[in-house]
Amino acid sequence: MARDYLLAKGWKLLDVNIRIGRGELDLVFKKEATHLVVVEVKTKQNNEMGEPADLVTDDKIRQIEFLVGELLNRRRYQKKYGLYQIESWQLDVVAVYGDGEKVDDIVHYENITMWS
């Protein structure tokens, strides 16, 4: 759902569920030729326990920053995904609201690290 939502925006999907060591990046897109967008997907039934972006803790952000560093600096990933020209990246959260079978809403929180 989140992938299709972002593809409809015209973003280029590089891969889903990229495993690097014990970590994983949910979705990775190129928004522009030199800009990478890493998307953390959160599925929730409601906002009772806070906004979905709030579920991305400081520890999770640090882990994602490490994984993106590995993605951008390791030659095998640079070659596989064509990352040689990437100059910047951002972390987005896409919240998918629903019961797991039916989607009620999708909310896109862009560049969440700028919120802190």
N, C-alpha and C. Protein backbone atom coordinates (compact mmCIF):
# COMPACT_ATOMS: atom_id res chain seq x y z
N MET A 1 0.80 -1.19 0.00
CA MET A 1 0.00 0.00 0.00
C MET A 1 0.86 1.27 0.00
N ALA A 2 1.80 1.33 0.93
CA ALA A 2 2.68 2.50 1.02
C ALA A 2 3.51 2.63 -0.26
N ARG A 3 4.00 1.52 -0.75
CA ARG A 3 4.81 1.53 -1.97
C ARG A 3 4.00 2.10 -3.14
N ASP A 4 2.80 1.60 -3.32
CA ASP A 4 1.96 2.06 -4.43
C ASP A 4 1.61 3.54 -4.29
N TYR A 5 1.38 3.97 -3.07
CA TYR A 5 1.07 5.38 -2.80
C TYR A 5 2.22 6.28 -3.27
N LEU A 6 3.46 5.90 -2.96
CA LEU A 6 4.62 6.71 -3.33
C LEU A 6 4.96 6.58 -4.81
N LEU A 7 4.73 5.42 -5.39
CA LEU A 7 4.93 5.27 -6.83
C LEU A 7 3.99 6.18 -7.60
N ALA A 8 2.79 6.36 -7.09
CA ALA A 8 1.81 7.25 -7.74
C ALA A 8 2.28 8.70 -7.72
N LYS A 9 3.20 9.03 -6.80
CA LYS A 9 3.78 10.38 -6.75
C LYS A 9 4.90 10.56 -7.78
N GLY A 10 5.24 9.47 -8.45
CA GLY A 10 6.28 9.55 -9.47
C GLY A 10 7.68 9.22 -8.98
N TRP A 11 7.79 8.74 -7.75
CA TRP A 11 9.10 8.38 -7.23
C TRP A 11 9.55 7.05 -7.83
N LYS A 12 10.86 6.88 -7.94
CA LYS A 12 11.42 5.65 -8.49
C LYS A 12 11.79 4.70 -7.34
N LEU A 13 11.16 3.55 -7.31
CA LEU A 13 11.44 2.55 -6.28
C LEU A 13 12.75 1.85 -6.59
N LEU A 14 13.66 1.85 -5.61
CA LEU A 14 14.91 1.12 -5.76
C LEU A 14 14.76 -0.30 -5.25
N ASP A 15 14.13 -0.45 -4.05
CA ASP A 15 13.96 -1.79 -3.50
C ASP A 15 13.08 -1.72 -2.25
N VAL A 16 12.62 -2.89 -1.84
CA VAL A 16 11.85 -3.02 -0.61
C VAL A 16 12.57 -3.98 0.33
N ASN A 17 12.43 -3.73 1.61
CA ASN A 17 13.00 -4.61 2.64
C ASN A 17 14.47 -4.94 2.40
N ILE A 18 15.28 -3.91 2.26
CA ILE A 18 16.72 -4.10 2.05
C ILE A 18 17.35 -4.50 3.38
N ARG A 19 17.89 -5.70 3.43
CA ARG A 19 18.56 -6.20 4.64
C ARG A 19 20.04 -5.84 4.58
N ILE A 20 20.50 -5.22 5.64
CA ILE A 20 21.91 -4.89 5.80
C ILE A 20 22.29 -5.34 7.20
N GLY A 21 23.05 -6.41 7.28
CA GLY A 21 23.35 -6.98 8.60
C GLY A 21 22.07 -7.42 9.27
N ARG A 22 21.86 -6.94 10.50
CA ARG A 22 20.64 -7.29 11.23
C ARG A 22 19.54 -6.24 11.07
N GLY A 23 19.80 -5.21 10.28
CA GLY A 23 18.81 -4.15 10.08
C GLY A 23 18.11 -4.27 8.74
N GLU A 24 17.07 -3.46 8.61
CA GLU A 24 16.30 -3.49 7.37
C GLU A 24 15.73 -2.10 7.08
N LEU A 25 15.78 -1.74 5.81
CA LEU A 25 15.15 -0.51 5.33
C LEU A 25 13.87 -0.93 4.60
N ASP A 26 12.71 -0.42 5.05
CA ASP A 26 11.44 -0.87 4.49
C ASP A 26 11.32 -0.57 2.99
N LEU A 27 11.42 0.70 2.63
CA LEU A 27 11.31 1.12 1.23
C LEU A 27 12.40 2.13 0.94
N VAL A 28 13.01 2.04 -0.23
CA VAL A 28 14.03 3.01 -0.64
C VAL A 28 13.67 3.50 -2.04
N PHE A 29 13.56 4.82 -2.17
CA PHE A 29 13.20 5.47 -3.43
C PHE A 29 14.26 6.48 -3.82
N LYS A 30 14.31 6.77 -5.11
CA LYS A 30 14.99 7.96 -5.59
C LYS A 30 13.89 8.96 -5.92
N LYS A 31 13.97 10.11 -5.28
CA LYS A 31 12.98 11.16 -5.54
C LYS A 31 13.45 12.02 -6.71
N GLU A 32 14.75 12.23 -6.76
CA GLU A 32 15.42 12.95 -7.84
C GLU A 32 16.72 12.20 -8.09
N ALA A 33 17.43 12.56 -9.10
CA ALA A 33 18.66 11.84 -9.46
C ALA A 33 19.68 11.83 -8.32
N THR A 34 19.69 12.87 -7.50
CA THR A 34 20.70 12.96 -6.44
C THR A 34 20.11 12.89 -5.04
N HIS A 35 18.83 12.53 -4.92
CA HIS A 35 18.18 12.53 -3.60
C HIS A 35 17.50 11.19 -3.34
N LEU A 36 17.85 10.60 -2.21
CA LEU A 36 17.32 9.31 -1.80
C LEU A 36 16.28 9.52 -0.69
N VAL A 37 15.21 8.74 -0.73
CA VAL A 37 14.21 8.78 0.33
C VAL A 37 14.06 7.38 0.91
N VAL A 38 14.32 7.27 2.21
CA VAL A 38 14.15 6.02 2.93
C VAL A 38 12.83 6.14 3.67
N VAL A 39 11.97 5.14 3.50
CA VAL A 39 10.63 5.20 4.06
C VAL A 39 10.43 4.08 5.08
N GLU A 40 10.07 4.50 6.27
CA GLU A 40 9.68 3.56 7.32
C GLU A 40 8.16 3.46 7.28
N VAL A 41 7.64 2.25 7.17
CA VAL A 41 6.20 2.05 7.06
C VAL A 41 5.66 1.59 8.42
N LYS A 42 4.62 2.26 8.87
CA LYS A 42 3.96 1.92 10.12
C LYS A 42 2.48 1.69 9.83
N THR A 43 1.96 0.57 10.29
CA THR A 43 0.55 0.26 10.13
C THR A 43 -0.12 0.38 11.49
N LYS A 44 -1.22 1.14 11.52
CA LYS A 44 -1.94 1.36 12.77
C LYS A 44 -3.44 1.31 12.51
N GLN A 45 -4.16 0.94 13.54
CA GLN A 45 -5.61 0.96 13.43
C GLN A 45 -6.18 2.33 13.78
N ASN A 46 -5.47 3.08 14.66
CA ASN A 46 -5.94 4.41 15.05
C ASN A 46 -4.79 5.20 15.66
N ASN A 47 -5.09 6.39 16.16
CA ASN A 47 -4.05 7.27 16.75
C ASN A 47 -4.00 7.20 18.27
N GLU A 48 -4.62 6.20 18.88
CA GLU A 48 -4.71 6.15 20.34
C GLU A 48 -3.35 6.19 21.04
N MET A 49 -2.36 5.56 20.48
CA MET A 49 -1.03 5.52 21.10
C MET A 49 -0.09 6.54 20.46
N GLY A 50 -0.63 7.60 19.86
CA GLY A 50 0.19 8.62 19.24
C GLY A 50 0.23 8.47 17.74
N GLU A 51 0.88 9.43 17.13
CA GLU A 51 1.03 9.43 15.68
C GLU A 51 2.04 8.37 15.26
N PRO A 52 1.88 7.82 14.07
CA PRO A 52 2.82 6.79 13.59
C PRO A 52 4.27 7.26 13.57
N ALA A 53 4.50 8.51 13.21
CA ALA A 53 5.88 9.01 13.17
C ALA A 53 6.51 8.99 14.56
N ASP A 54 5.68 9.09 15.60
CA ASP A 54 6.19 9.02 16.98
C ASP A 54 6.73 7.64 17.31
N LEU A 55 6.32 6.63 16.57
CA LEU A 55 6.80 5.27 16.80
C LEU A 55 8.23 5.06 16.29
N VAL A 56 8.71 6.01 15.51
CA VAL A 56 10.09 5.95 15.02
C VAL A 56 10.94 6.69 16.05
N THR A 57 11.50 5.91 16.95
CA THR A 57 12.25 6.44 18.09
C THR A 57 13.63 6.94 17.66
N ASP A 58 14.29 7.63 18.58
CA ASP A 58 15.66 8.09 18.32
C ASP A 58 16.58 6.90 18.01
N ASP A 59 16.40 5.80 18.73
CA ASP A 59 17.21 4.61 18.46
C ASP A 59 16.97 4.09 17.05
N LYS A 60 15.72 4.09 16.62
CA LYS A 60 15.40 3.62 15.27
C LYS A 60 16.00 4.56 14.23
N ILE A 61 15.94 5.85 14.47
CA ILE A 61 16.53 6.82 13.55
C ILE A 61 18.04 6.60 13.44
N ARG A 62 18.71 6.38 14.58
CA ARG A 62 20.16 6.12 14.55
C ARG A 62 20.46 4.85 13.75
N GLN A 63 19.65 3.82 13.93
CA GLN A 63 19.85 2.57 13.19
C GLN A 63 19.67 2.82 11.68
N ILE A 64 18.64 3.57 11.32
CA ILE A 64 18.41 3.86 9.90
C ILE A 64 19.55 4.69 9.34
N GLU A 65 20.03 5.67 10.09
CA GLU A 65 21.17 6.48 9.64
C GLU A 65 22.39 5.60 9.37
N PHE A 66 22.65 4.64 10.26
CA PHE A 66 23.76 3.71 10.06
C PHE A 66 23.54 2.88 8.79
N LEU A 67 22.34 2.35 8.62
CA LEU A 67 22.04 1.51 7.45
C LEU A 67 22.15 2.29 6.15
N VAL A 68 21.70 3.54 6.15
CA VAL A 68 21.82 4.36 4.95
C VAL A 68 23.29 4.64 4.67
N GLY A 69 24.09 4.87 5.70
CA GLY A 69 25.53 5.05 5.50
C GLY A 69 26.16 3.84 4.83
N GLU A 70 25.77 2.66 5.31
CA GLU A 70 26.27 1.42 4.69
C GLU A 70 25.80 1.32 3.24
N LEU A 71 24.55 1.64 3.01
CA LEU A 71 23.98 1.57 1.66
C LEU A 71 24.73 2.49 0.70
N LEU A 72 25.03 3.69 1.15
CA LEU A 72 25.68 4.68 0.29
C LEU A 72 27.17 4.46 0.14
N ASN A 73 27.80 3.79 1.11
CA ASN A 73 29.25 3.66 1.09
C ASN A 73 29.79 2.32 0.61
N ARG A 74 28.98 1.31 0.59
CA ARG A 74 29.45 0.00 0.13
C ARG A 74 29.29 -0.11 -1.38
N ARG A 75 30.36 -0.51 -2.02
CA ARG A 75 30.36 -0.57 -3.48
C ARG A 75 29.28 -1.47 -4.05
N ARG A 76 29.02 -2.59 -3.39
CA ARG A 76 28.02 -3.50 -3.96
C ARG A 76 26.64 -2.86 -4.01
N TYR A 77 26.31 -2.04 -3.02
CA TYR A 77 25.02 -1.34 -3.03
C TYR A 77 25.04 -0.18 -4.02
N GLN A 78 26.17 0.53 -4.06
CA GLN A 78 26.29 1.63 -5.02
C GLN A 78 26.04 1.13 -6.43
N LYS A 79 26.66 -0.01 -6.75
CA LYS A 79 26.53 -0.58 -8.09
C LYS A 79 25.11 -1.12 -8.32
N LYS A 80 24.59 -1.87 -7.37
CA LYS A 80 23.27 -2.49 -7.52
C LYS A 80 22.17 -1.46 -7.71
N TYR A 81 22.23 -0.37 -6.94
CA TYR A 81 21.15 0.61 -6.96
C TYR A 81 21.50 1.91 -7.68
N GLY A 82 22.71 2.00 -8.23
CA GLY A 82 23.11 3.21 -8.95
C GLY A 82 23.15 4.44 -8.05
N LEU A 83 23.83 4.33 -6.93
CA LEU A 83 23.82 5.38 -5.92
C LEU A 83 25.01 6.33 -6.00
N TYR A 84 25.76 6.30 -7.06
CA TYR A 84 26.99 7.09 -7.15
C TYR A 84 26.75 8.60 -7.07
N GLN A 85 25.59 9.06 -7.53
CA GLN A 85 25.34 10.51 -7.58
C GLN A 85 24.50 11.03 -6.41
N ILE A 86 24.19 10.17 -5.45
CA ILE A 86 23.35 10.61 -4.33
C ILE A 86 24.10 11.63 -3.48
N GLU A 87 23.49 12.80 -3.30
CA GLU A 87 24.08 13.87 -2.51
C GLU A 87 23.36 14.07 -1.18
N SER A 88 22.10 13.64 -1.12
CA SER A 88 21.33 13.84 0.11
C SER A 88 20.27 12.75 0.24
N TRP A 89 19.78 12.63 1.46
CA TRP A 89 18.70 11.67 1.70
C TRP A 89 17.82 12.17 2.82
N GLN A 90 16.62 11.62 2.90
CA GLN A 90 15.71 11.97 3.96
C GLN A 90 14.98 10.71 4.43
N LEU A 91 14.45 10.80 5.64
CA LEU A 91 13.68 9.71 6.22
C LEU A 91 12.22 10.13 6.30
N ASP A 92 11.36 9.37 5.67
CA ASP A 92 9.92 9.60 5.70
C ASP A 92 9.25 8.45 6.43
N VAL A 93 8.06 8.70 6.96
CA VAL A 93 7.22 7.66 7.53
C VAL A 93 5.91 7.67 6.77
N VAL A 94 5.46 6.51 6.37
CA VAL A 94 4.13 6.38 5.79
C VAL A 94 3.30 5.54 6.74
N ALA A 95 2.23 6.14 7.21
CA ALA A 95 1.31 5.46 8.12
C ALA A 95 0.15 4.91 7.30
N VAL A 96 -0.07 3.64 7.44
CA VAL A 96 -1.20 2.99 6.78
C VAL A 96 -2.19 2.65 7.89
N TYR A 97 -3.35 3.30 7.84
CA TYR A 97 -4.39 3.06 8.84
C TYR A 97 -5.37 2.03 8.30
N GLY A 98 -5.64 1.03 9.11
CA GLY A 98 -6.58 0.00 8.73
C GLY A 98 -6.45 -1.20 9.64
N ASP A 99 -7.20 -2.21 9.31
CA ASP A 99 -7.24 -3.41 10.15
C ASP A 99 -6.35 -4.53 9.63
N GLY A 100 -5.54 -4.25 8.64
CA GLY A 100 -4.67 -5.27 8.07
C GLY A 100 -5.21 -5.83 6.77
N GLU A 101 -6.50 -5.71 6.58
CA GLU A 101 -7.12 -6.17 5.33
C GLU A 101 -7.69 -5.00 4.53
N LYS A 102 -8.25 -4.03 5.23
CA LYS A 102 -8.85 -2.87 4.59
C LYS A 102 -8.08 -1.62 5.00
N VAL A 103 -7.69 -0.82 4.02
CA VAL A 103 -6.98 0.43 4.29
C VAL A 103 -8.00 1.56 4.40
N ASP A 104 -7.98 2.25 5.53
CA ASP A 104 -8.87 3.39 5.74
C ASP A 104 -8.23 4.70 5.29
N ASP A 105 -6.91 4.81 5.48
CA ASP A 105 -6.22 6.06 5.14
C ASP A 105 -4.73 5.80 5.06
N ILE A 106 -4.05 6.65 4.31
CA ILE A 106 -2.59 6.64 4.24
C ILE A 106 -2.13 8.06 4.49
N VAL A 107 -1.21 8.23 5.44
CA VAL A 107 -0.66 9.55 5.75
C VAL A 107 0.85 9.50 5.57
N HIS A 108 1.37 10.48 4.86
CA HIS A 108 2.80 10.55 4.54
C HIS A 108 3.43 11.67 5.35
N TYR A 109 4.36 11.32 6.23
CA TYR A 109 5.12 12.29 7.02
C TYR A 109 6.49 12.41 6.38
N GLU A 110 6.78 13.57 5.82
CA GLU A 110 8.03 13.75 5.09
C GLU A 110 9.14 14.30 5.98
N ASN A 111 10.34 13.76 5.75
CA ASN A 111 11.56 14.26 6.37
C ASN A 111 11.43 14.42 7.88
N ILE A 112 11.11 13.31 8.56
CA ILE A 112 10.79 13.40 9.99
C ILE A 112 11.95 13.82 10.87
N THR A 113 13.17 13.65 10.41
CA THR A 113 14.31 14.05 11.24
C THR A 113 14.42 15.55 11.34
N MET A 114 13.73 16.27 10.49
CA MET A 114 13.72 17.74 10.57
C MET A 114 12.78 18.21 11.68
N TRP A 115 11.95 17.30 12.22
CA TRP A 115 10.99 17.68 13.26
C TRP A 115 11.66 17.90 14.60
N SER A 116 12.79 17.22 14.85
CA SER A 116 13.39 17.31 16.18
C SER A 116 14.19 18.58 16.38
